[in-house]
Amino acid sequence: MKKLFAFLALALSMNAFAGNVEAGKVAAQKYNCASCHGADFNSPIDPSYPKLAGQYPDYLLKALKEYKSGKRVNAVMAGQVQALTDADMANLAVYYGSLKGQMGIVK
């Protein structure tokens, strides 16, 4: 019984991060994320904006949800996430995670 519970818990947690890469690409364009995070999501327009490409989807989803709830405080992101649905956030997270990230600081 413990194994079944553990399996179900794992399946549910994996589903919590399920998203659609193509829908995430559409959402990234719709919400104009590239205006701050760069066209390839590796080269921020302003170095204070993080690179999103190649990040772990679960981390990105958590961050988006925390911006929306107010747990993470950032005036720009607080405004950006208010229109996002849970599906939008999951889709964006898996899309950015599917992209090739670059190491180092962009100059």
PDB file of N, CA and C in Angstrom:
ATOM      1  N   MET A   1       0.812  -1.184   0.000  1.00  0.00           N
ATOM      2  CA  MET A   1       0.000   0.000   0.000  1.00  0.00           C
ATOM      3  C   MET A   1       0.866   1.262   0.000  1.00  0.00           C
ATOM      4  N   LYS A   2       1.973   1.245   0.750  1.00  0.00           N
ATOM      5  CA  LYS A   2       2.872   2.391   0.788  1.00  0.00           C
ATOM      6  C   LYS A   2       3.480   2.656  -0.594  1.00  0.00           C
ATOM      7  N   LYS A   3       3.801   1.577  -1.317  1.00  0.00           N
ATOM      8  CA  LYS A   3       4.372   1.750  -2.654  1.00  0.00           C
ATOM      9  C   LYS A   3       3.355   2.376  -3.600  1.00  0.00           C
ATOM     10  N   LEU A   4       2.096   1.959  -3.490  1.00  0.00           N
ATOM     11  CA  LEU A   4       1.049   2.520  -4.331  1.00  0.00           C
ATOM     12  C   LEU A   4       0.875   4.004  -4.025  1.00  0.00           C
ATOM     13  N   PHE A   5       0.861   4.348  -2.758  1.00  0.00           N
ATOM     14  CA  PHE A   5       0.721   5.750  -2.364  1.00  0.00           C
ATOM     15  C   PHE A   5       1.902   6.576  -2.890  1.00  0.00           C
ATOM     16  N   ALA A   6       3.111   6.044  -2.756  1.00  0.00           N
ATOM     17  CA  ALA A   6       4.301   6.750  -3.232  1.00  0.00           C
ATOM     18  C   ALA A   6       4.244   6.942  -4.747  1.00  0.00           C
ATOM     19  N   PHE A   7       3.797   5.902  -5.455  1.00  0.00           N
ATOM     20  CA  PHE A   7       3.678   5.997  -6.909  1.00  0.00           C
ATOM     21  C   PHE A   7       2.651   7.062  -7.297  1.00  0.00           C
ATOM     22  N   LEU A   8       1.506   7.061  -6.634  1.00  0.00           N
ATOM     23  CA  LEU A   8       0.470   8.044  -6.943  1.00  0.00           C
ATOM     24  C   LEU A   8       0.932   9.460  -6.621  1.00  0.00           C
ATOM     25  N   ALA A   9       1.623   9.617  -5.518  1.00  0.00           N
ATOM     26  CA  ALA A   9       2.141  10.936  -5.150  1.00  0.00           C
ATOM     27  C   ALA A   9       3.139  11.425  -6.191  1.00  0.00           C
ATOM     28  N   LEU A  10       4.000  10.540  -6.662  1.00  0.00           N
ATOM     29  CA  LEU A  10       4.977  10.900  -7.693  1.00  0.00           C
ATOM     30  C   LEU A  10       4.274  11.263  -8.993  1.00  0.00           C
ATOM     31  N   ALA A  11       3.285  10.472  -9.387  1.00  0.00           N
ATOM     32  CA  ALA A  11       2.541  10.738 -10.623  1.00  0.00           C
ATOM     33  C   ALA A  11       1.834  12.084 -10.548  1.00  0.00           C
ATOM     34  N   LEU A  12       1.237  12.391  -9.413  1.00  0.00           N
ATOM     35  CA  LEU A  12       0.545  13.665  -9.259  1.00  0.00           C
ATOM     36  C   LEU A  12       1.523  14.826  -9.271  1.00  0.00           C
ATOM     37  N   SER A  13       2.671  14.661  -8.638  1.00  0.00           N
ATOM     38  CA  SER A  13       3.642  15.751  -8.622  1.00  0.00           C
ATOM     39  C   SER A  13       4.214  15.988 -10.007  1.00  0.00           C
ATOM     40  N   MET A  14       4.419  14.936 -10.782  1.00  0.00           N
ATOM     41  CA  MET A  14       4.903  15.089 -12.150  1.00  0.00           C
ATOM     42  C   MET A  14       3.851  15.798 -12.990  1.00  0.00           C
ATOM     43  N   ASN A  15       2.584  15.464 -12.782  1.00  0.00           N
ATOM     44  CA  ASN A  15       1.506  16.087 -13.534  1.00  0.00           C
ATOM     45  C   ASN A  15       1.379  17.564 -13.196  1.00  0.00           C
ATOM     46  N   ALA A  16       1.772  17.942 -11.995  1.00  0.00           N
ATOM     47  CA  ALA A  16       1.691  19.343 -11.601  1.00  0.00           C
ATOM     48  C   ALA A  16       2.587  20.214 -12.475  1.00  0.00           C
ATOM     49  N   PHE A  17       3.647  19.626 -13.040  1.00  0.00           N
ATOM     50  CA  PHE A  17       4.567  20.370 -13.879  1.00  0.00           C
ATOM     51  C   PHE A  17       4.341  20.082 -15.350  1.00  0.00           C
ATOM     52  N   ALA A  18       3.294  19.336 -15.671  1.00  0.00           N
ATOM     53  CA  ALA A  18       3.014  19.029 -17.061  1.00  0.00           C
ATOM     54  C   ALA A  18       2.618  20.311 -17.767  1.00  0.00           C
ATOM     55  N   GLY A  19       3.161  20.492 -18.910  1.00  0.00           N
ATOM     56  CA  GLY A  19       2.842  21.651 -19.715  1.00  0.00           C
ATOM     57  C   GLY A  19       3.068  21.300 -21.166  1.00  0.00           C
ATOM     58  N   ASN A  20       2.742  22.209 -22.034  1.00  0.00           N
ATOM     59  CA  ASN A  20       2.863  21.991 -23.455  1.00  0.00           C
ATOM     60  C   ASN A  20       3.858  23.007 -24.007  1.00  0.00           C
ATOM     61  N   VAL A  21       4.922  22.490 -24.623  1.00  0.00           N
ATOM     62  CA  VAL A  21       5.993  23.351 -25.130  1.00  0.00           C
ATOM     63  C   VAL A  21       5.464  24.326 -26.184  1.00  0.00           C
ATOM     64  N   GLU A  22       4.681  23.832 -27.131  1.00  0.00           N
ATOM     65  CA  GLU A  22       4.162  24.706 -28.192  1.00  0.00           C
ATOM     66  C   GLU A  22       3.233  25.787 -27.630  1.00  0.00           C
ATOM     67  N   ALA A  23       2.390  25.409 -26.679  1.00  0.00           N
ATOM     68  CA  ALA A  23       1.508  26.398 -26.050  1.00  0.00           C
ATOM     69  C   ALA A  23       2.330  27.410 -25.261  1.00  0.00           C
ATOM     70  N   GLY A  24       3.442  26.968 -24.679  1.00  0.00           N
ATOM     71  CA  GLY A  24       4.331  27.877 -23.965  1.00  0.00           C
ATOM     72  C   GLY A  24       4.986  28.879 -24.896  1.00  0.00           C
ATOM     73  N   LYS A  25       5.354  28.428 -26.087  1.00  0.00           N
ATOM     74  CA  LYS A  25       5.946  29.326 -27.086  1.00  0.00           C
ATOM     75  C   LYS A  25       4.940  30.408 -27.475  1.00  0.00           C
ATOM     76  N   VAL A  26       3.693  29.998 -27.676  1.00  0.00           N
ATOM     77  CA  VAL A  26       2.633  30.953 -28.020  1.00  0.00           C
ATOM     78  C   VAL A  26       2.425  31.941 -26.866  1.00  0.00           C
ATOM     79  N   ALA A  27       2.400  31.426 -25.642  1.00  0.00           N
ATOM     80  CA  ALA A  27       2.200  32.297 -24.472  1.00  0.00           C
ATOM     81  C   ALA A  27       3.354  33.280 -24.314  1.00  0.00           C
ATOM     82  N   ALA A  28       4.576  32.833 -24.570  1.00  0.00           N
ATOM     83  CA  ALA A  28       5.737  33.720 -24.454  1.00  0.00           C
ATOM     84  C   ALA A  28       5.620  34.886 -25.431  1.00  0.00           C
ATOM     85  N   GLN A  29       5.099  34.603 -26.617  1.00  0.00           N
ATOM     86  CA  GLN A  29       4.894  35.671 -27.609  1.00  0.00           C
ATOM     87  C   GLN A  29       3.733  36.566 -27.189  1.00  0.00           C
ATOM     88  N   LYS A  30       2.646  35.946 -26.753  1.00  0.00           N
ATOM     89  CA  LYS A  30       1.452  36.697 -26.349  1.00  0.00           C
ATOM     90  C   LYS A  30       1.759  37.688 -25.231  1.00  0.00           C
ATOM     91  N   TYR A  31       2.525  37.250 -24.241  1.00  0.00           N
ATOM     92  CA  TYR A  31       2.819  38.085 -23.078  1.00  0.00           C
ATOM     93  C   TYR A  31       4.112  38.886 -23.243  1.00  0.00           C
ATOM     94  N   ASN A  32       4.743  38.791 -24.422  1.00  0.00           N
ATOM     95  CA  ASN A  32       5.920  39.577 -24.779  1.00  0.00           C
ATOM     96  C   ASN A  32       7.063  39.429 -23.777  1.00  0.00           C
ATOM     97  N   CYS A  33       7.324  38.218 -23.363  1.00  0.00           N
ATOM     98  CA  CYS A  33       8.379  37.944 -22.379  1.00  0.00           C
ATOM     99  C   CYS A  33       9.766  38.335 -22.900  1.00  0.00           C
ATOM    100  N   ALA A  34       9.949  38.268 -24.221  1.00  0.00           N
ATOM    101  CA  ALA A  34      11.247  38.573 -24.821  1.00  0.00           C
ATOM    102  C   ALA A  34      11.635  40.039 -24.642  1.00  0.00           C
ATOM    103  N   SER A  35      10.673  40.905 -24.384  1.00  0.00           N
ATOM    104  CA  SER A  35      11.008  42.323 -24.244  1.00  0.00           C
ATOM    105  C   SER A  35      11.959  42.577 -23.075  1.00  0.00           C
ATOM    106  N   CYS A  36      11.918  41.722 -22.069  1.00  0.00           N
ATOM    107  CA  CYS A  36      12.848  41.850 -20.938  1.00  0.00           C
ATOM    108  C   CYS A  36      13.890  40.734 -20.908  1.00  0.00           C
ATOM    109  N   HIS A  37      13.482  39.527 -21.293  1.00  0.00           N
ATOM    110  CA  HIS A  37      14.362  38.363 -21.144  1.00  0.00           C
ATOM    111  C   HIS A  37      15.150  38.028 -22.403  1.00  0.00           C
ATOM    112  N   GLY A  38      15.002  38.818 -23.448  1.00  0.00           N
ATOM    113  CA  GLY A  38      15.757  38.624 -24.679  1.00  0.00           C
ATOM    114  C   GLY A  38      15.059  37.691 -25.651  1.00  0.00           C
ATOM    115  N   ALA A  39      15.361  37.860 -26.935  1.00  0.00           N
ATOM    116  CA  ALA A  39      14.693  37.109 -28.004  1.00  0.00           C
ATOM    117  C   ALA A  39      14.865  35.605 -27.852  1.00  0.00           C
ATOM    118  N   ASP A  40      16.034  35.173 -27.361  1.00  0.00           N
ATOM    119  CA  ASP A  40      16.275  33.737 -27.188  1.00  0.00           C
ATOM    120  C   ASP A  40      16.160  33.314 -25.723  1.00  0.00           C
ATOM    121  N   PHE A  41      15.725  34.236 -24.878  1.00  0.00           N
ATOM    122  CA  PHE A  41      15.551  34.020 -23.442  1.00  0.00           C
ATOM    123  C   PHE A  41      16.862  33.671 -22.739  1.00  0.00           C
ATOM    124  N   ASN A  42      17.979  33.993 -23.414  1.00  0.00           N
ATOM    125  CA  ASN A  42      19.325  33.852 -22.875  1.00  0.00           C
ATOM    126  C   ASN A  42      20.014  35.199 -22.721  1.00  0.00           C
ATOM    127  N   SER A  43      19.566  36.157 -23.461  1.00  0.00           N
ATOM    128  CA  SER A  43      20.260  37.430 -23.544  1.00  0.00           C
ATOM    129  C   SER A  43      19.353  38.558 -23.082  1.00  0.00           C
ATOM    130  N   PRO A  44      19.266  38.750 -21.788  1.00  0.00           N
ATOM    131  CA  PRO A  44      18.378  39.797 -21.283  1.00  0.00           C
ATOM    132  C   PRO A  44      18.752  41.171 -21.825  1.00  0.00           C
ATOM    133  N   ILE A  45      17.748  41.979 -22.050  1.00  0.00           N
ATOM    134  CA  ILE A  45      17.958  43.353 -22.468  1.00  0.00           C
ATOM    135  C   ILE A  45      18.694  44.096 -21.351  1.00  0.00           C
ATOM    136  N   ASP A  46      18.339  43.786 -20.128  1.00  0.00           N
ATOM    137  CA  ASP A  46      18.939  44.368 -18.938  1.00  0.00           C
ATOM    138  C   ASP A  46      19.504  43.204 -18.117  1.00  0.00           C
ATOM    139  N   PRO A  47      20.774  43.254 -17.727  1.00  0.00           N
ATOM    140  CA  PRO A  47      21.365  42.127 -16.994  1.00  0.00           C
ATOM    141  C   PRO A  47      20.662  41.766 -15.689  1.00  0.00           C
ATOM    142  N   SER A  48      19.806  42.640 -15.174  1.00  0.00           N
ATOM    143  CA  SER A  48      19.094  42.313 -13.938  1.00  0.00           C
ATOM    144  C   SER A  48      17.943  41.341 -14.187  1.00  0.00           C
ATOM    145  N   TYR A  49      17.567  41.139 -15.464  1.00  0.00           N
ATOM    146  CA  TYR A  49      16.524  40.157 -15.782  1.00  0.00           C
ATOM    147  C   TYR A  49      17.175  38.802 -16.008  1.00  0.00           C
ATOM    148  N   PRO A  50      16.656  37.760 -15.395  1.00  0.00           N
ATOM    149  CA  PRO A  50      17.311  36.443 -15.505  1.00  0.00           C
ATOM    150  C   PRO A  50      17.120  35.792 -16.869  1.00  0.00           C
ATOM    151  N   LYS A  51      18.073  34.931 -17.178  1.00  0.00           N
ATOM    152  CA  LYS A  51      17.963  34.066 -18.349  1.00  0.00           C
ATOM    153  C   LYS A  51      16.946  32.985 -18.002  1.00  0.00           C
ATOM    154  N   LEU A  52      16.053  32.693 -18.911  1.00  0.00           N
ATOM    155  CA  LEU A  52      15.027  31.676 -18.674  1.00  0.00           C
ATOM    156  C   LEU A  52      15.329  30.372 -19.396  1.00  0.00           C
ATOM    157  N   ALA A  53      16.003  30.451 -20.525  1.00  0.00           N
ATOM    158  CA  ALA A  53      16.274  29.264 -21.339  1.00  0.00           C
ATOM    159  C   ALA A  53      17.106  28.254 -20.558  1.00  0.00           C
ATOM    160  N   GLY A  54      16.663  27.014 -20.602  1.00  0.00           N
ATOM    161  CA  GLY A  54      17.407  25.929 -19.976  1.00  0.00           C
ATOM    162  C   GLY A  54      17.194  25.774 -18.481  1.00  0.00           C
ATOM    163  N   GLN A  55      16.370  26.625 -17.884  1.00  0.00           N
ATOM    164  CA  GLN A  55      16.088  26.495 -16.452  1.00  0.00           C
ATOM    165  C   GLN A  55      15.191  25.279 -16.205  1.00  0.00           C
ATOM    166  N   TYR A  56      15.202  24.785 -15.002  1.00  0.00           N
ATOM    167  CA  TYR A  56      14.340  23.663 -14.640  1.00  0.00           C
ATOM    168  C   TYR A  56      12.884  24.105 -14.643  1.00  0.00           C
ATOM    169  N   PRO A  57      12.027  23.396 -15.370  1.00  0.00           N
ATOM    170  CA  PRO A  57      10.610  23.784 -15.423  1.00  0.00           C
ATOM    171  C   PRO A  57       9.941  23.878 -14.061  1.00  0.00           C
ATOM    172  N   ASP A  58      10.266  22.968 -13.147  1.00  0.00           N
ATOM    173  CA  ASP A  58       9.624  23.021 -11.831  1.00  0.00           C
ATOM    174  C   ASP A  58      10.022  24.289 -11.078  1.00  0.00           C
ATOM    175  N   TYR A  59      11.263  24.717 -11.235  1.00  0.00           N
ATOM    176  CA  TYR A  59      11.719  25.962 -10.616  1.00  0.00           C
ATOM    177  C   TYR A  59      10.985  27.161 -11.223  1.00  0.00           C
ATOM    178  N   LEU A  60      10.894  27.187 -12.553  1.00  0.00           N
ATOM    179  CA  LEU A  60      10.220  28.302 -13.223  1.00  0.00           C
ATOM    180  C   LEU A  60       8.746  28.375 -12.841  1.00  0.00           C
ATOM    181  N   LEU A  61       8.088  27.227 -12.779  1.00  0.00           N
ATOM    182  CA  LEU A  61       6.681  27.199 -12.402  1.00  0.00           C
ATOM    183  C   LEU A  61       6.500  27.714 -10.978  1.00  0.00           C
ATOM    184  N   LYS A  62       7.354  27.275 -10.088  1.00  0.00           N
ATOM    185  CA  LYS A  62       7.297  27.732  -8.694  1.00  0.00           C
ATOM    186  C   LYS A  62       7.499  29.248  -8.629  1.00  0.00           C
ATOM    187  N   ALA A  63       8.471  29.749  -9.363  1.00  0.00           N
ATOM    188  CA  ALA A  63       8.750  31.179  -9.360  1.00  0.00           C
ATOM    189  C   ALA A  63       7.551  31.969  -9.879  1.00  0.00           C
ATOM    190  N   LEU A  64       6.965  31.525 -10.986  1.00  0.00           N
ATOM    191  CA  LEU A  64       5.806  32.230 -11.540  1.00  0.00           C
ATOM    192  C   LEU A  64       4.644  32.252 -10.552  1.00  0.00           C
ATOM    193  N   LYS A  65       4.395  31.115  -9.934  1.00  0.00           N
ATOM    194  CA  LYS A  65       3.302  31.045  -8.953  1.00  0.00           C
ATOM    195  C   LYS A  65       3.580  31.951  -7.755  1.00  0.00           C
ATOM    196  N   GLU A  66       4.831  32.027  -7.339  1.00  0.00           N
ATOM    197  CA  GLU A  66       5.184  32.881  -6.202  1.00  0.00           C
ATOM    198  C   GLU A  66       5.092  34.363  -6.557  1.00  0.00           C
ATOM    199  N   TYR A  67       5.417  34.727  -7.790  1.00  0.00           N
ATOM    200  CA  TYR A  67       5.212  36.116  -8.208  1.00  0.00           C
ATOM    201  C   TYR A  67       3.725  36.448  -8.190  1.00  0.00           C
ATOM    202  N   LYS A  68       2.913  35.521  -8.676  1.00  0.00           N
ATOM    203  CA  LYS A  68       1.474  35.765  -8.741  1.00  0.00           C
ATOM    204  C   LYS A  68       0.855  35.869  -7.344  1.00  0.00           C
ATOM    205  N   SER A  69       1.309  35.029  -6.421  1.00  0.00           N
ATOM    206  CA  SER A  69       0.748  35.047  -5.065  1.00  0.00           C
ATOM    207  C   SER A  69       1.285  36.193  -4.214  1.00  0.00           C
ATOM    208  N   GLY A  70       2.398  36.789  -4.642  1.00  0.00           N
ATOM    209  CA  GLY A  70       3.020  37.847  -3.862  1.00  0.00           C
ATOM    210  C   GLY A  70       4.100  37.350  -2.932  1.00  0.00           C
ATOM    211  N   LYS A  71       4.326  36.036  -2.907  1.00  0.00           N
ATOM    212  CA  LYS A  71       5.386  35.487  -2.067  1.00  0.00           C
ATOM    213  C   LYS A  71       6.752  36.006  -2.528  1.00  0.00           C
ATOM    214  N   ARG A  72       6.935  36.109  -3.844  1.00  0.00           N
ATOM    215  CA  ARG A  72       8.126  36.751  -4.405  1.00  0.00           C
ATOM    216  C   ARG A  72       7.709  38.158  -4.785  1.00  0.00           C
ATOM    217  N   VAL A  73       8.533  39.111  -4.427  1.00  0.00           N
ATOM    218  CA  VAL A  73       8.179  40.501  -4.665  1.00  0.00           C
ATOM    219  C   VAL A  73       9.073  41.072  -5.764  1.00  0.00           C
ATOM    220  N   ASN A  74       8.422  41.475  -6.852  1.00  0.00           N
ATOM    221  CA  ASN A  74       9.088  42.150  -7.951  1.00  0.00           C
ATOM    222  C   ASN A  74       8.000  42.911  -8.692  1.00  0.00           C
ATOM    223  N   ALA A  75       8.112  44.218  -8.731  1.00  0.00           N
ATOM    224  CA  ALA A  75       7.044  45.046  -9.298  1.00  0.00           C
ATOM    225  C   ALA A  75       6.753  44.712 -10.753  1.00  0.00           C
ATOM    226  N   VAL A  76       7.772  44.456 -11.537  1.00  0.00           N
ATOM    227  CA  VAL A  76       7.570  44.141 -12.957  1.00  0.00           C
ATOM    228  C   VAL A  76       6.862  42.803 -13.105  1.00  0.00           C
ATOM    229  N   MET A  77       7.394  41.776 -12.449  1.00  0.00           N
ATOM    230  CA  MET A  77       6.812  40.437 -12.600  1.00  0.00           C
ATOM    231  C   MET A  77       5.421  40.349 -11.965  1.00  0.00           C
ATOM    232  N   ALA A  78       5.188  41.077 -10.908  1.00  0.00           N
ATOM    233  CA  ALA A  78       3.862  41.053 -10.274  1.00  0.00           C
ATOM    234  C   ALA A  78       2.797  41.467 -11.272  1.00  0.00           C
ATOM    235  N   GLY A  79       3.095  42.473 -12.052  1.00  0.00           N
ATOM    236  CA  GLY A  79       2.148  42.914 -13.068  1.00  0.00           C
ATOM    237  C   GLY A  79       2.039  41.946 -14.230  1.00  0.00           C
ATOM    238  N   GLN A  80       3.147  41.338 -14.594  1.00  0.00           N
ATOM    239  CA  GLN A  80       3.163  40.438 -15.746  1.00  0.00           C
ATOM    240  C   GLN A  80       2.390  39.145 -15.497  1.00  0.00           C
ATOM    241  N   VAL A  81       2.444  38.608 -14.304  1.00  0.00           N
ATOM    242  CA  VAL A  81       1.860  37.284 -14.044  1.00  0.00           C
ATOM    243  C   VAL A  81       0.377  37.306 -13.722  1.00  0.00           C
ATOM    244  N   GLN A  82      -0.178  38.467 -13.447  1.00  0.00           N
ATOM    245  CA  GLN A  82      -1.582  38.501 -13.014  1.00  0.00           C
ATOM    246  C   GLN A  82      -2.545  37.912 -14.036  1.00  0.00           C
ATOM    247  N   ALA A  83      -2.255  38.063 -15.317  1.00  0.00           N
ATOM    248  CA  ALA A  83      -3.141  37.535 -16.357  1.00  0.00           C
ATOM    249  C   ALA A  83      -2.884  36.058 -16.663  1.00  0.00           C
ATOM    250  N   LEU A  84      -1.794  35.495 -16.125  1.00  0.00           N
ATOM    251  CA  LEU A  84      -1.443  34.108 -16.433  1.00  0.00           C
ATOM    252  C   LEU A  84      -2.340  33.120 -15.691  1.00  0.00           C
ATOM    253  N   THR A  85      -2.793  32.105 -16.414  1.00  0.00           N
ATOM    254  CA  THR A  85      -3.519  31.000 -15.793  1.00  0.00           C
ATOM    255  C   THR A  85      -2.504  29.968 -15.318  1.00  0.00           C
ATOM    256  N   ASP A  86      -2.962  28.994 -14.555  1.00  0.00           N
ATOM    257  CA  ASP A  86      -2.069  27.901 -14.142  1.00  0.00           C
ATOM    258  C   ASP A  86      -1.515  27.185 -15.360  1.00  0.00           C
ATOM    259  N   ALA A  87      -2.356  26.992 -16.382  1.00  0.00           N
ATOM    260  CA  ALA A  87      -1.896  26.325 -17.610  1.00  0.00           C
ATOM    261  C   ALA A  87      -0.847  27.170 -18.320  1.00  0.00           C
ATOM    262  N   ASP A  88      -1.056  28.487 -18.389  1.00  0.00           N
ATOM    263  CA  ASP A  88      -0.055  29.371 -19.003  1.00  0.00           C
ATOM    264  C   ASP A  88       1.289  29.221 -18.304  1.00  0.00           C
ATOM    265  N   MET A  89       1.256  29.228 -16.977  1.00  0.00           N
ATOM    266  CA  MET A  89       2.503  29.144 -16.217  1.00  0.00           C
ATOM    267  C   MET A  89       3.201  27.808 -16.454  1.00  0.00           C
ATOM    268  N   ALA A  90       2.455  26.712 -16.462  1.00  0.00           N
ATOM    269  CA  ALA A  90       3.048  25.392 -16.725  1.00  0.00           C
ATOM    270  C   ALA A  90       3.606  25.333 -18.138  1.00  0.00           C
ATOM    271  N   ASN A  91       2.875  25.883 -19.094  1.00  0.00           N
ATOM    272  CA  ASN A  91       3.323  25.869 -20.483  1.00  0.00           C
ATOM    273  C   ASN A  91       4.585  26.712 -20.666  1.00  0.00           C
ATOM    274  N   LEU A  92       4.617  27.890 -20.072  1.00  0.00           N
ATOM    275  CA  LEU A  92       5.808  28.728 -20.147  1.00  0.00           C
ATOM    276  C   LEU A  92       7.008  28.024 -19.520  1.00  0.00           C
ATOM    277  N   ALA A  93       6.790  27.399 -18.380  1.00  0.00           N
ATOM    278  CA  ALA A  93       7.890  26.726 -17.677  1.00  0.00           C
ATOM    279  C   ALA A  93       8.503  25.622 -18.526  1.00  0.00           C
ATOM    280  N   VAL A  94       7.676  24.794 -19.150  1.00  0.00           N
ATOM    281  CA  VAL A  94       8.250  23.706 -19.959  1.00  0.00           C
ATOM    282  C   VAL A  94       8.849  24.237 -21.258  1.00  0.00           C
ATOM    283  N   TYR A  95       8.289  25.308 -21.793  1.00  0.00           N
ATOM    284  CA  TYR A  95       8.867  25.905 -23.002  1.00  0.00           C
ATOM    285  C   TYR A  95      10.268  26.430 -22.713  1.00  0.00           C
ATOM    286  N   TYR A  96      10.408  27.258 -21.689  1.00  0.00           N
ATOM    287  CA  TYR A  96      11.727  27.801 -21.362  1.00  0.00           C
ATOM    288  C   TYR A  96      12.708  26.684 -21.010  1.00  0.00           C
ATOM    289  N   GLY A  97      12.221  25.681 -20.309  1.00  0.00           N
ATOM    290  CA  GLY A  97      13.084  24.548 -19.964  1.00  0.00           C
ATOM    291  C   GLY A  97      13.545  23.759 -21.168  1.00  0.00           C
ATOM    292  N   SER A  98      12.780  23.802 -22.244  1.00  0.00           N
ATOM    293  CA  SER A  98      13.139  23.050 -23.457  1.00  0.00           C
ATOM    294  C   SER A  98      14.192  23.758 -24.298  1.00  0.00           C
ATOM    295  N   LEU A  99      14.426  25.029 -24.015  1.00  0.00           N
ATOM    296  CA  LEU A  99      15.379  25.819 -24.799  1.00  0.00           C
ATOM    297  C   LEU A  99      16.803  25.607 -24.304  1.00  0.00           C
ATOM    298  N   LYS A 100      17.742  25.804 -25.200  1.00  0.00           N
ATOM    299  CA  LYS A 100      19.146  25.658 -24.821  1.00  0.00           C
ATOM    300  C   LYS A 100      19.596  26.893 -24.056  1.00  0.00           C
ATOM    301  N   GLY A 101      20.064  26.678 -22.851  1.00  0.00           N
ATOM    302  CA  GLY A 101      20.555  27.765 -22.032  1.00  0.00           C
ATOM    303  C   GLY A 101      22.015  28.042 -22.319  1.00  0.00           C
ATOM    304  N   GLN A 102      22.446  29.235 -22.017  1.00  0.00           N
ATOM    305  CA  GLN A 102      23.845  29.626 -22.170  1.00  0.00           C
ATOM    306  C   GLN A 102      24.426  29.951 -20.816  1.00  0.00           C
ATOM    307  N   MET A 103      25.663  29.581 -20.627  1.00  0.00           N
ATOM    308  CA  MET A 103      26.352  29.866 -19.372  1.00  0.00           C
ATOM    309  C   MET A 103      26.979  31.247 -19.434  1.00  0.00           C
ATOM    310  N   GLY A 104      27.203  31.817 -18.290  1.00  0.00           N
ATOM    311  CA  GLY A 104      27.945  33.069 -18.211  1.00  0.00           C
ATOM    312  C   GLY A 104      27.067  34.296 -18.262  1.00  0.00           C
ATOM    313  N   ILE A 105      27.720  35.413 -18.137  1.00  0.00           N
ATOM    314  CA  ILE A 105      27.044  36.709 -18.105  1.00  0.00           C
ATOM    315  C   ILE A 105      27.081  37.316 -19.500  1.00  0.00           C
ATOM    316  N   VAL A 106      25.960  37.820 -19.934  1.00  0.00           N
ATOM    317  CA  VAL A 106      25.884  38.482 -21.235  1.00  0.00           C
ATOM    318  C   VAL A 106      26.366  39.906 -21.076  1.00  0.00           C
ATOM    319  N   LYS A 107      27.251  40.341 -21.968  1.00  0.00           N
ATOM    320  CA  LYS A 107      27.773  41.721 -21.899  1.00  0.00           C
ATOM    321  C   LYS A 107      27.232  42.526 -23.050  1.00  0.00           C
TER     322      LYS A 107
END
